[in-house]
Amino acid sequence: MDAYISGQLYNRKRIISLGILDRLKVNLKKNSAYPHLYLNVLSASHGICAFSGVTWVRMGPSQEVEYDDGIRHNDLADYVGAYGFGARLDQMIGLRDALIEAYGGEITSENATEFYTSYVALCNKYARLIIQVNGPNYHRNFLNIKRLSRAFLDFCMAAVENLPVNVELFKKVEEIILREVQARMVRM
């Protein structure tokens, strides 16, 4: 089962002293769907982070229900709001901006490779959400997943096209994201 985990532990004094909470207040509109991801990105840019496979809290059963079509769906996936295609693109911009902020507020020749590595990971995560997780709901709402996938690829590239980067790196990023989108389409 693929679980969504949204719990984090922060050093409160440290994130306050670094001004991260104040920055969240300023950028809350762009990060309203997932403010904890914004906190994670900025916290990670200032220190060592640890990941753990330990389950600290387990609450309630899965929220799956069966519909008349006989297909099991996650009840929350039918809600368009934060899971809609447009909302997913808005989330991408908020997180892209958080990455730029984490890399010092600008992309330079010194940090471009690291930034784009992080950005490709972000695009891959959202490709999974848009194509595989939310894709069945989009399909039920008469949206063509293949066209949405292509639109998503174009959006990913448009979202960084005006940032300073060399042409070779930009093309490499586009090729990597294209491969990921195509691979996810095959898995559907």
N, C-alpha and C. Protein backbone atom coordinates (compact mmCIF):
# COMPACT_ATOMS: atom_id res chain seq x y z
N MET A 1 0.84 -1.18 0.00
CA MET A 1 0.00 0.00 0.00
C MET A 1 0.88 1.24 0.00
N ASP A 2 0.54 2.22 -0.79
CA ASP A 2 1.30 3.46 -0.88
C ASP A 2 0.68 4.45 0.10
N ALA A 3 1.42 4.80 1.13
CA ALA A 3 0.89 5.69 2.15
C ALA A 3 1.43 7.11 1.98
N TYR A 4 0.64 8.07 2.35
CA TYR A 4 1.06 9.45 2.34
C TYR A 4 1.43 9.82 3.77
N ILE A 5 2.62 10.25 3.95
CA ILE A 5 3.09 10.63 5.27
C ILE A 5 3.28 12.14 5.31
N SER A 6 2.69 12.79 6.30
CA SER A 6 2.83 14.24 6.35
C SER A 6 3.36 14.72 7.70
N GLY A 7 3.98 13.84 8.45
CA GLY A 7 4.49 14.25 9.75
C GLY A 7 5.97 14.56 9.72
N GLN A 8 6.35 15.62 10.37
CA GLN A 8 7.75 16.01 10.47
C GLN A 8 8.04 16.45 11.90
N LEU A 9 9.29 16.37 12.24
CA LEU A 9 9.76 16.91 13.52
C LEU A 9 10.76 18.01 13.19
N TYR A 10 10.58 19.18 13.80
CA TYR A 10 11.46 20.30 13.54
C TYR A 10 12.10 20.76 14.85
N ASN A 11 13.26 21.36 14.73
CA ASN A 11 13.88 22.06 15.84
C ASN A 11 13.29 23.47 15.81
N ARG A 12 12.27 23.68 16.63
CA ARG A 12 11.49 24.92 16.59
C ARG A 12 12.38 26.15 16.75
N LYS A 13 13.27 26.13 17.73
CA LYS A 13 14.13 27.29 17.96
C LYS A 13 14.97 27.59 16.73
N ARG A 14 15.46 26.54 16.09
CA ARG A 14 16.33 26.75 14.92
C ARG A 14 15.55 27.33 13.74
N ILE A 15 14.37 26.79 13.45
CA ILE A 15 13.64 27.33 12.29
C ILE A 15 13.15 28.75 12.54
N ILE A 16 12.90 29.09 13.80
CA ILE A 16 12.54 30.47 14.12
C ILE A 16 13.76 31.37 13.97
N SER A 17 14.91 30.93 14.50
CA SER A 17 16.11 31.76 14.42
C SER A 17 16.59 31.95 12.98
N LEU A 18 16.32 30.99 12.11
CA LEU A 18 16.69 31.11 10.70
C LEU A 18 15.68 31.93 9.90
N GLY A 19 14.57 32.30 10.52
CA GLY A 19 13.55 33.09 9.84
C GLY A 19 12.67 32.27 8.91
N ILE A 20 12.72 30.95 9.03
CA ILE A 20 11.96 30.09 8.12
C ILE A 20 10.46 30.25 8.33
N LEU A 21 10.01 30.39 9.56
CA LEU A 21 8.57 30.57 9.80
C LEU A 21 8.10 31.92 9.25
N ASP A 22 8.93 32.95 9.38
CA ASP A 22 8.57 34.25 8.81
C ASP A 22 8.49 34.16 7.29
N ARG A 23 9.41 33.40 6.69
CA ARG A 23 9.39 33.23 5.23
C ARG A 23 8.14 32.46 4.80
N LEU A 24 7.73 31.48 5.61
CA LEU A 24 6.49 30.75 5.30
C LEU A 24 5.30 31.70 5.32
N LYS A 25 5.25 32.59 6.31
CA LYS A 25 4.14 33.54 6.37
C LYS A 25 4.07 34.39 5.10
N VAL A 26 5.22 34.82 4.62
CA VAL A 26 5.27 35.64 3.41
C VAL A 26 4.85 34.83 2.18
N ASN A 27 5.22 33.55 2.15
CA ASN A 27 4.98 32.70 0.97
C ASN A 27 3.84 31.70 1.17
N LEU A 28 2.99 31.93 2.14
CA LEU A 28 1.93 30.96 2.46
C LEU A 28 0.94 30.79 1.32
N LYS A 29 0.62 31.85 0.61
CA LYS A 29 -0.35 31.72 -0.47
C LYS A 29 0.13 30.72 -1.53
N LYS A 30 1.42 30.78 -1.88
CA LYS A 30 1.97 29.86 -2.89
C LYS A 30 2.08 28.44 -2.35
N ASN A 31 2.12 28.29 -1.03
CA ASN A 31 2.35 26.99 -0.42
C ASN A 31 1.21 26.57 0.50
N SER A 32 0.02 27.05 0.23
CA SER A 32 -1.11 26.79 1.13
C SER A 32 -1.53 25.33 1.16
N ALA A 33 -1.37 24.60 0.06
CA ALA A 33 -1.79 23.19 0.03
C ALA A 33 -0.87 22.31 0.86
N TYR A 34 0.44 22.60 0.83
CA TYR A 34 1.42 21.77 1.53
C TYR A 34 2.49 22.64 2.19
N PRO A 35 2.12 23.43 3.21
CA PRO A 35 3.11 24.30 3.84
C PRO A 35 4.27 23.52 4.47
N HIS A 36 4.01 22.29 4.89
CA HIS A 36 5.08 21.49 5.50
C HIS A 36 6.18 21.17 4.48
N LEU A 37 5.84 21.05 3.20
CA LEU A 37 6.87 20.79 2.19
C LEU A 37 7.79 22.00 2.04
N TYR A 38 7.21 23.20 2.10
CA TYR A 38 8.01 24.43 2.06
C TYR A 38 8.96 24.45 3.26
N LEU A 39 8.44 24.15 4.44
CA LEU A 39 9.30 24.09 5.64
C LEU A 39 10.40 23.05 5.48
N ASN A 40 10.06 21.90 4.90
CA ASN A 40 11.06 20.84 4.70
C ASN A 40 12.18 21.30 3.79
N VAL A 41 11.83 21.92 2.66
CA VAL A 41 12.84 22.36 1.70
C VAL A 41 13.78 23.37 2.34
N LEU A 42 13.21 24.38 3.01
CA LEU A 42 14.07 25.41 3.61
C LEU A 42 14.86 24.87 4.79
N SER A 43 14.27 24.00 5.59
CA SER A 43 15.00 23.41 6.71
C SER A 43 16.17 22.58 6.20
N ALA A 44 15.94 21.81 5.16
CA ALA A 44 17.00 20.97 4.59
C ALA A 44 18.14 21.81 4.03
N SER A 45 17.84 23.02 3.58
CA SER A 45 18.90 23.86 3.02
C SER A 45 19.81 24.45 4.09
N HIS A 46 19.43 24.28 5.37
CA HIS A 46 20.21 24.86 6.46
C HIS A 46 20.83 23.83 7.39
N GLY A 47 20.74 22.57 7.06
CA GLY A 47 21.32 21.61 7.97
C GLY A 47 21.11 20.18 7.52
N ILE A 48 21.46 19.29 8.40
CA ILE A 48 21.36 17.86 8.12
C ILE A 48 19.95 17.39 8.45
N CYS A 49 19.37 16.62 7.54
CA CYS A 49 18.04 16.04 7.75
C CYS A 49 18.17 14.53 7.82
N ALA A 50 17.27 13.93 8.53
CA ALA A 50 17.28 12.48 8.64
C ALA A 50 15.91 11.95 8.23
N PHE A 51 15.92 10.80 7.60
CA PHE A 51 14.69 10.11 7.23
C PHE A 51 14.64 8.81 8.02
N SER A 52 13.45 8.42 8.41
CA SER A 52 13.30 7.21 9.21
C SER A 52 12.12 6.41 8.70
N GLY A 53 12.29 5.10 8.71
CA GLY A 53 11.20 4.21 8.34
C GLY A 53 10.34 3.83 9.53
N VAL A 54 10.62 4.39 10.68
CA VAL A 54 9.88 4.07 11.90
C VAL A 54 8.51 4.72 11.85
N THR A 55 7.48 3.94 12.17
CA THR A 55 6.13 4.47 12.25
C THR A 55 5.92 5.01 13.66
N TRP A 56 5.65 6.30 13.76
CA TRP A 56 5.46 6.92 15.06
C TRP A 56 3.99 6.96 15.45
N VAL A 57 3.11 7.16 14.48
CA VAL A 57 1.68 7.24 14.75
C VAL A 57 0.95 6.50 13.64
N ARG A 58 -0.02 5.70 14.01
CA ARG A 58 -0.86 5.03 13.02
C ARG A 58 -2.30 5.35 13.40
N MET A 59 -3.03 5.94 12.45
CA MET A 59 -4.39 6.38 12.77
C MET A 59 -5.37 5.87 11.73
N GLY A 60 -6.35 5.15 12.16
CA GLY A 60 -7.49 4.78 11.34
C GLY A 60 -7.20 3.90 10.15
N PRO A 61 -8.27 3.39 9.57
CA PRO A 61 -8.15 2.53 8.40
C PRO A 61 -7.98 3.35 7.12
N SER A 62 -7.63 2.67 6.06
CA SER A 62 -7.52 3.30 4.74
C SER A 62 -8.87 3.90 4.36
N GLN A 63 -8.86 4.96 3.57
CA GLN A 63 -10.09 5.64 3.19
C GLN A 63 -10.58 5.20 1.81
N GLU A 64 -10.41 3.93 1.47
CA GLU A 64 -10.87 3.47 0.18
C GLU A 64 -12.34 3.08 0.25
N VAL A 65 -13.05 3.36 -0.83
CA VAL A 65 -14.46 3.00 -0.93
C VAL A 65 -14.69 2.39 -2.29
N GLU A 66 -15.79 1.63 -2.42
CA GLU A 66 -16.11 1.04 -3.72
C GLU A 66 -17.29 1.77 -4.33
N TYR A 67 -17.16 2.11 -5.61
CA TYR A 67 -18.20 2.83 -6.32
C TYR A 67 -19.00 1.87 -7.19
N ASP A 68 -20.07 2.38 -7.75
CA ASP A 68 -20.94 1.55 -8.58
C ASP A 68 -20.23 0.93 -9.77
N ASP A 69 -19.13 1.53 -10.22
CA ASP A 69 -18.42 0.98 -11.37
C ASP A 69 -17.57 -0.24 -10.98
N GLY A 70 -17.59 -0.61 -9.69
CA GLY A 70 -16.86 -1.78 -9.23
C GLY A 70 -15.37 -1.55 -9.03
N ILE A 71 -14.91 -0.34 -9.27
CA ILE A 71 -13.50 -0.02 -9.11
C ILE A 71 -13.30 0.63 -7.75
N ARG A 72 -12.25 0.21 -7.08
CA ARG A 72 -11.94 0.81 -5.78
C ARG A 72 -11.18 2.11 -6.02
N HIS A 73 -11.62 3.16 -5.36
CA HIS A 73 -10.98 4.46 -5.48
C HIS A 73 -10.66 4.97 -4.08
N ASN A 74 -9.65 5.78 -3.98
CA ASN A 74 -9.41 6.49 -2.74
C ASN A 74 -10.42 7.62 -2.70
N ASP A 75 -11.23 7.67 -1.66
CA ASP A 75 -12.30 8.64 -1.55
C ASP A 75 -11.80 10.07 -1.75
N LEU A 76 -10.63 10.39 -1.21
CA LEU A 76 -10.10 11.74 -1.32
C LEU A 76 -9.67 12.07 -2.75
N ALA A 77 -9.34 11.07 -3.56
CA ALA A 77 -8.88 11.32 -4.93
C ALA A 77 -9.99 11.89 -5.80
N ASP A 78 -11.24 11.73 -5.39
CA ASP A 78 -12.35 12.27 -6.18
C ASP A 78 -12.58 13.75 -5.90
N TYR A 79 -11.93 14.29 -4.92
CA TYR A 79 -12.03 15.70 -4.63
C TYR A 79 -11.09 16.46 -5.56
N VAL A 80 -11.60 17.41 -6.29
CA VAL A 80 -10.80 18.09 -7.31
C VAL A 80 -9.87 19.13 -6.69
N GLY A 81 -10.29 19.93 -5.74
CA GLY A 81 -9.51 21.01 -5.13
C GLY A 81 -8.01 20.90 -5.22
N ALA A 82 -7.37 20.45 -4.16
CA ALA A 82 -5.90 20.37 -4.10
C ALA A 82 -5.35 19.30 -5.04
N TYR A 83 -6.21 18.38 -5.50
CA TYR A 83 -5.76 17.29 -6.35
C TYR A 83 -6.03 17.53 -7.83
N GLY A 84 -6.68 18.63 -8.15
CA GLY A 84 -6.97 18.96 -9.54
C GLY A 84 -5.69 19.32 -10.29
N PHE A 85 -5.73 19.19 -11.60
CA PHE A 85 -4.55 19.44 -12.42
C PHE A 85 -4.01 20.85 -12.22
N GLY A 86 -4.88 21.85 -12.25
CA GLY A 86 -4.45 23.23 -12.05
C GLY A 86 -3.82 23.45 -10.69
N ALA A 87 -4.42 22.85 -9.66
CA ALA A 87 -3.87 22.98 -8.31
C ALA A 87 -2.50 22.32 -8.22
N ARG A 88 -2.33 21.18 -8.89
CA ARG A 88 -1.02 20.52 -8.88
C ARG A 88 0.04 21.41 -9.53
N LEU A 89 -0.32 22.11 -10.60
CA LEU A 89 0.64 23.02 -11.25
C LEU A 89 0.97 24.19 -10.33
N ASP A 90 -0.02 24.72 -9.63
CA ASP A 90 0.24 25.79 -8.67
C ASP A 90 1.19 25.32 -7.57
N GLN A 91 0.99 24.09 -7.10
CA GLN A 91 1.88 23.53 -6.08
C GLN A 91 3.31 23.43 -6.60
N MET A 92 3.44 23.03 -7.87
CA MET A 92 4.78 22.93 -8.48
C MET A 92 5.50 24.28 -8.44
N ILE A 93 4.80 25.35 -8.77
CA ILE A 93 5.42 26.68 -8.77
C ILE A 93 5.85 27.06 -7.35
N GLY A 94 5.01 26.81 -6.38
CA GLY A 94 5.38 27.10 -4.99
C GLY A 94 6.63 26.35 -4.57
N LEU A 95 6.71 25.07 -4.93
CA LEU A 95 7.87 24.27 -4.56
C LEU A 95 9.09 24.60 -5.40
N ARG A 96 8.90 24.97 -6.66
CA ARG A 96 10.03 25.44 -7.48
C ARG A 96 10.64 26.68 -6.83
N ASP A 97 9.77 27.61 -6.41
CA ASP A 97 10.25 28.82 -5.76
C ASP A 97 10.95 28.52 -4.43
N ALA A 98 10.43 27.52 -3.70
CA ALA A 98 11.09 27.12 -2.45
C ALA A 98 12.49 26.57 -2.74
N LEU A 99 12.62 25.79 -3.82
CA LEU A 99 13.96 25.29 -4.20
C LEU A 99 14.90 26.44 -4.56
N ILE A 100 14.40 27.40 -5.33
CA ILE A 100 15.25 28.55 -5.69
C ILE A 100 15.68 29.26 -4.41
N GLU A 101 14.75 29.45 -3.49
CA GLU A 101 15.06 30.10 -2.22
C GLU A 101 16.10 29.30 -1.43
N ALA A 102 15.94 27.98 -1.44
CA ALA A 102 16.88 27.11 -0.72
C ALA A 102 18.29 27.18 -1.32
N TYR A 103 18.38 27.46 -2.61
CA TYR A 103 19.68 27.58 -3.27
C TYR A 103 20.19 29.03 -3.27
N GLY A 104 19.73 29.82 -2.32
CA GLY A 104 20.27 31.16 -2.15
C GLY A 104 19.49 32.25 -2.86
N GLY A 105 18.36 31.93 -3.44
CA GLY A 105 17.52 32.94 -4.06
C GLY A 105 17.77 33.18 -5.53
N GLU A 106 18.80 32.55 -6.07
CA GLU A 106 19.06 32.67 -7.51
C GLU A 106 19.81 31.44 -7.99
N ILE A 107 19.64 31.14 -9.26
CA ILE A 107 20.33 30.01 -9.87
C ILE A 107 21.52 30.57 -10.63
N THR A 108 22.68 30.04 -10.30
CA THR A 108 23.93 30.50 -10.92
C THR A 108 24.65 29.31 -11.54
N SER A 109 25.73 29.58 -12.22
CA SER A 109 26.50 28.48 -12.80
C SER A 109 27.07 27.57 -11.70
N GLU A 110 27.25 28.12 -10.51
CA GLU A 110 27.79 27.32 -9.39
C GLU A 110 26.76 26.35 -8.81
N ASN A 111 25.47 26.71 -8.82
CA ASN A 111 24.48 25.83 -8.19
C ASN A 111 23.45 25.25 -9.17
N ALA A 112 23.62 25.53 -10.44
CA ALA A 112 22.61 25.10 -11.43
C ALA A 112 22.43 23.59 -11.47
N THR A 113 23.52 22.84 -11.48
CA THR A 113 23.40 21.38 -11.56
C THR A 113 22.65 20.83 -10.35
N GLU A 114 22.98 21.30 -9.16
CA GLU A 114 22.31 20.82 -7.95
C GLU A 114 20.84 21.24 -7.95
N PHE A 115 20.57 22.48 -8.36
CA PHE A 115 19.18 22.94 -8.41
C PHE A 115 18.38 22.07 -9.38
N TYR A 116 18.90 21.85 -10.57
CA TYR A 116 18.14 21.10 -11.57
C TYR A 116 18.00 19.63 -11.18
N THR A 117 18.94 19.09 -10.44
CA THR A 117 18.79 17.72 -9.91
C THR A 117 17.59 17.68 -8.97
N SER A 118 17.48 18.69 -8.10
CA SER A 118 16.34 18.77 -7.19
C SER A 118 15.05 19.02 -7.95
N TYR A 119 15.11 19.86 -8.97
CA TYR A 119 13.92 20.19 -9.75
C TYR A 119 13.41 18.98 -10.52
N VAL A 120 14.31 18.19 -11.08
CA VAL A 120 13.90 16.97 -11.78
C VAL A 120 13.20 16.02 -10.80
N ALA A 121 13.73 15.90 -9.58
CA ALA A 121 13.09 15.04 -8.57
C ALA A 121 11.68 15.56 -8.26
N LEU A 122 11.53 16.89 -8.17
CA LEU A 122 10.22 17.48 -7.93
C LEU A 122 9.27 17.16 -9.09
N CYS A 123 9.74 17.32 -10.32
CA CYS A 123 8.91 17.00 -11.49
C CYS A 123 8.53 15.53 -11.51
N ASN A 124 9.46 14.66 -11.16
CA ASN A 124 9.17 13.22 -11.13
C ASN A 124 8.09 12.91 -10.10
N LYS A 125 8.17 13.54 -8.95
CA LYS A 125 7.17 13.34 -7.90
C LYS A 125 5.80 13.78 -8.40
N TYR A 126 5.74 14.94 -9.04
CA TYR A 126 4.45 15.43 -9.52
C TYR A 126 3.96 14.66 -10.75
N ALA A 127 4.88 14.12 -11.55
CA ALA A 127 4.45 13.26 -12.66
C ALA A 127 3.72 12.05 -12.09
N ARG A 128 4.26 11.48 -11.03
CA ARG A 128 3.61 10.34 -10.38
C ARG A 128 2.23 10.73 -9.86
N LEU A 129 2.15 11.88 -9.19
CA LEU A 129 0.86 12.32 -8.65
C LEU A 129 -0.16 12.58 -9.75
N ILE A 130 0.25 13.30 -10.79
CA ILE A 130 -0.68 13.68 -11.85
C ILE A 130 -1.09 12.49 -12.71
N ILE A 131 -0.13 11.66 -13.09
CA ILE A 131 -0.43 10.57 -14.03
C ILE A 131 -0.98 9.34 -13.33
N GLN A 132 -0.33 8.91 -12.28
CA GLN A 132 -0.74 7.65 -11.66
C GLN A 132 -1.73 7.81 -10.52
N VAL A 133 -1.49 8.74 -9.62
CA VAL A 133 -2.37 8.88 -8.46
C VAL A 133 -3.68 9.57 -8.82
N ASN A 134 -3.59 10.75 -9.42
CA ASN A 134 -4.79 11.50 -9.77
C ASN A 134 -5.30 11.22 -11.17
N GLY A 135 -4.50 10.57 -12.00
CA GLY A 135 -4.87 10.28 -13.39
C GLY A 135 -6.21 9.58 -13.55
N PRO A 136 -6.50 8.54 -12.76
CA PRO A 136 -7.80 7.89 -12.92
C PRO A 136 -8.98 8.84 -12.66
N ASN A 137 -8.82 9.75 -11.70
CA ASN A 137 -9.88 10.73 -11.45
C ASN A 137 -10.00 11.70 -12.62
N TYR A 138 -8.88 12.14 -13.17
CA TYR A 138 -8.92 13.03 -14.33
C TYR A 138 -9.62 12.32 -15.49
N HIS A 139 -9.27 11.05 -15.67
CA HIS A 139 -9.88 10.26 -16.76
C HIS A 139 -11.39 10.16 -16.56
N ARG A 140 -11.83 9.92 -15.34
CA ARG A 140 -13.27 9.85 -15.05
C ARG A 140 -13.95 11.19 -15.34
N ASN A 141 -13.17 12.26 -15.32
CA ASN A 141 -13.70 13.60 -15.61
C ASN A 141 -13.44 13.99 -17.06
N PHE A 142 -13.24 12.97 -17.92
CA PHE A 142 -13.13 13.12 -19.37
C PHE A 142 -11.88 13.88 -19.83
N LEU A 143 -10.82 13.84 -19.05
CA LEU A 143 -9.56 14.45 -19.45
C LEU A 143 -8.66 13.38 -20.06
N ASN A 144 -7.99 13.72 -21.14
CA ASN A 144 -7.09 12.80 -21.81
C ASN A 144 -5.74 12.82 -21.08
N ILE A 145 -5.38 11.70 -20.47
CA ILE A 145 -4.17 11.63 -19.65
C ILE A 145 -2.91 11.83 -20.49
N LYS A 146 -2.90 11.33 -21.71
CA LYS A 146 -1.74 11.51 -22.57
C LYS A 146 -1.49 13.00 -22.84
N ARG A 147 -2.54 13.73 -23.14
CA ARG A 147 -2.40 15.18 -23.38
C ARG A 147 -2.02 15.92 -22.09
N LEU A 148 -2.63 15.52 -20.97
CA LEU A 148 -2.25 16.14 -19.70
C LEU A 148 -0.77 15.88 -19.40
N SER A 149 -0.29 14.69 -19.70
CA SER A 149 1.11 14.36 -19.46
C SER A 149 2.03 15.25 -20.28
N ARG A 150 1.67 15.44 -21.53
CA ARG A 150 2.48 16.31 -22.40
C ARG A 150 2.42 17.76 -21.91
N ALA A 151 1.22 18.19 -21.50
CA ALA A 151 1.07 19.54 -20.96
C ALA A 151 1.90 19.71 -19.69
N PHE A 152 1.94 18.65 -18.88
CA PHE A 152 2.74 18.70 -17.65
C PHE A 152 4.23 18.84 -17.98
N LEU A 153 4.70 18.08 -18.95
CA LEU A 153 6.10 18.19 -19.37
C LEU A 153 6.40 19.61 -19.84
N ASP A 154 5.53 20.15 -20.69
CA ASP A 154 5.72 21.51 -21.18
C ASP A 154 5.72 22.52 -20.03
N PHE A 155 4.83 22.31 -19.06
CA PHE A 155 4.76 23.19 -17.91
C PHE A 155 6.06 23.13 -17.10
N CYS A 156 6.55 21.92 -16.86
CA CYS A 156 7.81 21.77 -16.10
C CYS A 156 8.93 22.55 -16.75
N MET A 157 9.01 22.48 -18.05
CA MET A 157 10.10 23.16 -18.77
C MET A 157 9.84 24.67 -18.82
N ALA A 158 8.60 25.08 -19.01
CA ALA A 158 8.28 26.51 -19.03
C ALA A 158 8.57 27.16 -17.68
N ALA A 159 8.41 26.39 -16.61
CA ALA A 159 8.61 26.92 -15.26
C ALA A 159 10.08 27.23 -14.94
N VAL A 160 11.00 26.74 -15.76
CA VAL A 160 12.44 27.01 -15.52
C VAL A 160 13.15 27.57 -16.75
N GLU A 161 12.43 27.71 -17.83
CA GLU A 161 13.06 28.12 -19.08
C GLU A 161 13.74 29.49 -19.00
N ASN A 162 13.20 30.39 -18.20
CA ASN A 162 13.78 31.73 -18.11
C ASN A 162 14.80 31.87 -16.98
N LEU A 163 15.11 30.77 -16.32
CA LEU A 163 16.18 30.80 -15.31
C LEU A 163 17.52 30.66 -16.03
N PRO A 164 18.56 31.25 -15.47
CA PRO A 164 19.87 31.12 -16.12
C PRO A 164 20.37 29.67 -16.08
N VAL A 165 20.69 29.15 -17.24
CA VAL A 165 21.24 27.80 -17.33
C VAL A 165 21.80 27.64 -18.73
N ASN A 166 22.77 26.75 -18.86
CA ASN A 166 23.28 26.52 -20.21
C ASN A 166 22.34 25.61 -20.98
N VAL A 167 22.37 25.73 -22.28
CA VAL A 167 21.43 25.02 -23.16
C VAL A 167 21.56 23.51 -23.01
N GLU A 168 22.77 23.00 -22.87
CA GLU A 168 22.97 21.55 -22.75
C GLU A 168 22.30 21.00 -21.49
N LEU A 169 22.45 21.71 -20.38
CA LEU A 169 21.83 21.26 -19.13
C LEU A 169 20.31 21.31 -19.25
N PHE A 170 19.78 22.36 -19.86
CA PHE A 170 18.34 22.50 -20.04
C PHE A 170 17.79 21.33 -20.86
N LYS A 171 18.47 20.99 -21.95
CA LYS A 171 18.03 19.87 -22.80
C LYS A 171 18.09 18.55 -22.04
N LYS A 172 19.13 18.38 -21.22
CA LYS A 172 19.27 17.16 -20.43
C LYS A 172 18.12 17.03 -19.43
N VAL A 173 17.78 18.14 -18.77
CA VAL A 173 16.66 18.15 -17.83
C VAL A 173 15.37 17.76 -18.55
N GLU A 174 15.14 18.34 -19.72
CA GLU A 174 13.93 18.03 -20.49
C GLU A 174 13.89 16.55 -20.87
N GLU A 175 15.01 15.99 -21.29
CA GLU A 175 15.06 14.57 -21.67
C GLU A 175 14.74 13.68 -20.47
N ILE A 176 15.27 14.01 -19.30
CA ILE A 176 15.03 13.20 -18.10
C ILE A 176 13.56 13.25 -17.72
N ILE A 177 12.98 14.44 -17.71
CA ILE A 177 11.56 14.57 -17.34
C ILE A 177 10.68 13.87 -18.37
N LEU A 178 11.01 14.00 -19.66
CA LEU A 178 10.24 13.33 -20.70
C LEU A 178 10.27 11.81 -20.50
N ARG A 179 11.44 11.25 -20.21
CA ARG A 179 11.54 9.80 -19.97
C ARG A 179 10.67 9.38 -18.78
N GLU A 180 10.68 10.18 -17.72
CA GLU A 180 9.89 9.85 -16.54
C GLU A 180 8.39 9.90 -16.85
N VAL A 181 7.96 10.92 -17.55
CA VAL A 181 6.55 11.03 -17.92
C VAL A 181 6.14 9.85 -18.80
N GLN A 182 6.96 9.52 -19.79
CA GLN A 182 6.64 8.40 -20.67
C GLN A 182 6.61 7.08 -19.90
N ALA A 183 7.54 6.89 -18.98
CA ALA A 183 7.57 5.66 -18.18
C ALA A 183 6.31 5.54 -17.33
N ARG A 184 5.85 6.64 -16.77
CA ARG A 184 4.65 6.60 -15.95
C ARG A 184 3.41 6.33 -16.79
N MET A 185 3.40 6.81 -18.02
CA MET A 185 2.27 6.52 -18.93
C MET A 185 2.20 5.03 -19.23
N VAL A 186 3.33 4.38 -19.40
CA VAL A 186 3.37 2.95 -19.68
C VAL A 186 2.82 2.16 -18.50
N ARG A 187 3.08 2.63 -17.28
CA ARG A 187 2.64 1.92 -16.07
C ARG A 187 1.15 2.04 -15.80
N MET A 188 0.48 2.95 -16.50
CA MET A 188 -0.97 3.14 -16.25
C MET A 188 -1.78 2.00 -16.85
